[in-house]
Amino acid sequence: MPECTEDVWHGYLNDILPGQTYGYRVYGPYAPEHGHRFNAHKLLVDPYAKQLRGRLVWSDAHSAIERAARAPTCRSTVATTRVACRRLSSSMRHSPGARNAGPQSPSRTSSYTRRTSKGLTQQRDDVPAAWRGTFRALTAPAVIDHLKRLGVNALELLPIHAFVDDRHLVERG
């Protein structure tokens, strides 16, 4: 990546269009004994992605090492192009290091709570059933009224990131 801001390496792709998907391939030495595990056969997701397309389906292709050899020095050459999630480009420009303004109320009158969208909305009968447990449910008038009644004027959502269930858990159902 050509630029670095606040320890985040980044770049801008002029020719990518909104809705186009992409992933990273990282080239470098494969020397696990020195902490280097570069493997251009593996498609990597942009850690700053705003949205992902596709669904991860676990397979041996995701392993960094050859599954048959089970040795960290046997780098896998199986490509993940067809089985990996991809970042979905958007028309929004992201500036690494940019900060949100935060609550616009004085700290002496601020009251915030930390919640997950699912934990706050999943069991609420006054939220449309299709919305429960989602970020959209946080916009339901009943949820907003509830937070106002509690005196909350700032909500910290935990966690907000994509995640993948561990392979052994998926295999166990």
Protein backbone atom coordinates (compact mmCIF):
# COMPACT_ATOMS: atom_id res chain seq x y z
CA MET A 1 0.00 0.00 0.00
CA PRO A 2 1.42 3.40 -0.92
CA GLU A 3 0.30 5.53 2.04
CA CYS A 4 0.28 5.22 5.83
CA THR A 5 -1.88 7.25 8.25
CA GLU A 6 -1.80 6.56 12.00
CA ASP A 7 -0.19 3.12 11.46
CA VAL A 8 -2.79 2.10 8.84
CA TRP A 9 -1.46 1.40 5.35
CA HIS A 10 -3.97 2.36 2.64
CA GLY A 11 -4.42 3.21 -1.01
CA TYR A 12 -7.07 4.39 -3.43
CA LEU A 13 -8.18 2.45 -6.50
CA ASN A 14 -9.23 4.92 -9.20
CA ASP A 15 -10.87 2.37 -11.49
CA ILE A 16 -13.07 0.53 -8.99
CA LEU A 17 -16.81 1.20 -9.26
CA PRO A 18 -19.50 1.15 -6.55
CA GLY A 19 -20.75 -2.40 -6.07
CA GLN A 20 -17.59 -3.99 -7.45
CA THR A 21 -15.98 -6.66 -5.27
CA TYR A 22 -12.34 -7.11 -4.48
CA GLY A 23 -9.95 -8.89 -2.14
CA TYR A 24 -6.25 -8.64 -1.32
CA ARG A 25 -3.43 -10.96 -2.26
CA VAL A 26 -0.31 -10.39 -0.20
CA TYR A 27 3.10 -11.31 -1.56
CA GLY A 28 6.17 -11.88 0.54
CA PRO A 29 8.33 -14.56 2.13
CA TYR A 30 6.87 -17.72 3.61
CA ALA A 31 9.07 -18.25 6.66
CA PRO A 32 6.94 -19.26 9.68
CA GLU A 33 10.04 -19.55 11.84
CA HIS A 34 10.41 -15.76 11.42
CA GLY A 35 6.69 -14.99 11.69
CA HIS A 36 6.19 -14.55 7.93
CA ARG A 37 3.27 -16.44 6.40
CA PHE A 38 2.65 -14.59 3.16
CA ASN A 39 0.56 -16.68 0.78
CA ALA A 40 -0.68 -15.10 -2.45
CA HIS A 41 -2.93 -18.15 -3.03
CA LYS A 42 -5.25 -16.90 -0.29
CA LEU A 43 -7.72 -14.09 -0.95
CA LEU A 44 -7.86 -11.76 2.04
CA VAL A 45 -10.69 -9.47 3.13
CA ASP A 46 -10.11 -5.74 3.59
CA PRO A 47 -10.19 -5.21 7.38
CA TYR A 48 -11.78 -1.78 6.81
CA ALA A 49 -14.58 -3.17 4.64
CA LYS A 50 -17.97 -1.54 5.16
CA GLN A 51 -19.80 -4.53 3.68
CA LEU A 52 -18.97 -8.09 2.64
CA ARG A 53 -20.43 -10.10 -0.21
CA GLY A 54 -20.60 -13.84 -0.23
CA ARG A 55 -20.75 -16.41 2.51
CA LEU A 56 -17.80 -18.28 3.89
CA VAL A 57 -18.09 -22.02 3.36
CA TRP A 58 -15.34 -23.77 5.26
CA SER A 59 -13.03 -26.03 3.29
CA ASP A 60 -9.42 -27.17 3.42
CA ALA A 61 -8.64 -24.34 0.98
CA HIS A 62 -8.76 -21.92 3.92
CA SER A 63 -5.86 -23.61 5.67
CA ALA A 64 -2.55 -21.81 5.42
CA ILE A 65 -0.72 -25.13 5.39
CA GLU A 66 -1.24 -28.30 3.39
CA ARG A 67 -3.76 -30.25 5.48
CA ALA A 68 -2.24 -33.61 4.53
CA ALA A 69 1.26 -32.57 5.63
CA ARG A 70 0.14 -30.69 8.79
CA ALA A 71 3.55 -29.06 8.91
CA PRO A 72 3.85 -25.28 9.20
CA THR A 73 6.59 -25.29 6.57
CA CYS A 74 4.32 -26.79 3.87
CA ARG A 75 2.55 -23.73 2.49
CA SER A 76 -0.83 -24.45 0.93
CA THR A 77 -1.12 -23.65 -2.76
CA VAL A 78 -4.89 -24.14 -2.84
CA ALA A 79 -6.53 -20.87 -3.94
CA THR A 80 -9.47 -19.45 -1.96
CA THR A 81 -10.78 -17.27 -4.78
CA ARG A 82 -14.08 -19.16 -5.11
CA VAL A 83 -14.74 -19.76 -1.41
CA ALA A 84 -13.70 -16.48 0.22
CA CYS A 85 -15.86 -13.50 1.15
CA ARG A 86 -15.04 -10.32 -0.70
CA ARG A 87 -15.22 -6.70 0.23
CA LEU A 88 -17.99 -4.81 -1.56
CA SER A 89 -16.89 -1.39 -2.76
CA SER A 90 -19.06 1.58 -2.00
CA SER A 91 -19.27 5.16 -3.13
CA MET A 92 -18.24 6.30 0.36
CA ARG A 93 -14.65 7.36 0.76
CA HIS A 94 -12.99 6.23 3.96
CA SER A 95 -10.19 8.22 5.51
CA PRO A 96 -8.10 6.07 7.82
CA GLY A 97 -7.68 7.85 11.13
CA ALA A 98 -10.89 9.88 10.68
CA ARG A 99 -12.85 10.22 13.89
CA ASN A 100 -16.59 10.49 14.41
CA ALA A 101 -17.82 13.57 16.21
CA GLY A 102 -19.43 11.57 19.03
CA PRO A 103 -22.36 12.72 21.14
CA GLN A 104 -23.21 16.39 20.77
CA SER A 105 -24.12 16.92 24.41
CA PRO A 106 -21.99 18.15 27.30
CA SER A 107 -20.26 15.33 29.17
CA ARG A 108 -21.85 16.42 32.48
CA THR A 109 -25.31 15.67 31.03
CA SER A 110 -24.34 12.67 28.92
CA SER A 111 -25.53 9.19 29.73
CA TYR A 112 -24.51 6.27 27.57
CA THR A 113 -24.96 2.54 27.54
CA ARG A 114 -23.12 -0.30 25.83
CA ARG A 115 -25.29 -2.89 24.13
CA THR A 116 -25.45 -5.32 21.23
CA SER A 117 -28.27 -4.72 18.78
CA LYS A 118 -29.45 -8.29 19.33
CA GLY A 119 -29.39 -8.07 23.11
CA LEU A 120 -31.30 -4.79 23.11
CA THR A 121 -33.99 -5.74 20.59
CA GLN A 122 -34.37 -9.52 20.14
CA GLN A 123 -37.02 -10.05 22.81
CA ARG A 124 -39.00 -6.83 22.30
CA ASP A 125 -42.59 -7.43 21.15
CA ASP A 126 -42.91 -3.73 20.26
CA VAL A 127 -40.27 -4.10 17.50
CA PRO A 128 -41.30 -5.58 14.13
CA ALA A 129 -40.43 -9.29 14.17
CA ALA A 130 -38.31 -9.06 11.01
CA TRP A 131 -36.20 -6.30 12.59
CA ARG A 132 -35.51 -7.92 15.97
CA GLY A 133 -31.85 -8.54 16.68
CA THR A 134 -30.69 -6.34 13.78
CA PHE A 135 -29.21 -2.86 13.53
CA ARG A 136 -32.44 -1.70 11.91
CA ALA A 137 -34.31 -2.57 15.12
CA LEU A 138 -32.40 0.21 16.87
CA THR A 139 -34.41 2.70 14.79
CA ALA A 140 -37.75 1.38 16.02
CA PRO A 141 -39.65 4.13 17.88
CA ALA A 142 -40.18 1.81 20.87
CA VAL A 143 -36.42 1.28 21.28
CA ILE A 144 -35.65 4.98 20.97
CA ASP A 145 -38.41 5.84 23.46
CA HIS A 146 -37.08 3.20 25.86
CA LEU A 147 -33.57 4.67 25.75
CA LYS A 148 -34.92 8.21 26.22
CA ARG A 149 -36.96 7.12 29.25
CA LEU A 150 -33.75 5.73 30.75
CA GLY A 151 -32.02 9.07 30.08
CA VAL A 152 -29.62 7.54 27.57
CA ASN A 153 -28.43 9.94 24.87
CA ALA A 154 -25.51 7.91 23.50
CA LEU A 155 -25.37 4.23 22.57
CA GLU A 156 -22.14 2.28 22.11
CA LEU A 157 -22.75 -0.81 20.00
CA LEU A 158 -20.71 -3.93 20.77
CA PRO A 159 -19.41 -5.58 18.62
CA ILE A 160 -19.73 -4.15 15.14
CA HIS A 161 -17.68 -6.28 12.79
CA ALA A 162 -18.06 -9.25 10.55
CA PHE A 163 -17.26 -12.57 12.14
CA VAL A 164 -16.92 -16.15 11.06
CA ASP A 165 -17.98 -19.12 13.17
CA ASP A 166 -15.04 -21.41 13.88
CA ARG A 167 -14.81 -24.34 11.51
CA HIS A 168 -15.00 -26.97 14.27
CA LEU A 169 -18.22 -25.37 15.59
CA VAL A 170 -19.80 -25.31 12.13
CA GLU A 171 -18.87 -28.97 11.61
CA ARG A 172 -20.51 -29.87 14.94
CA GLY A 173 -23.72 -28.08 13.93
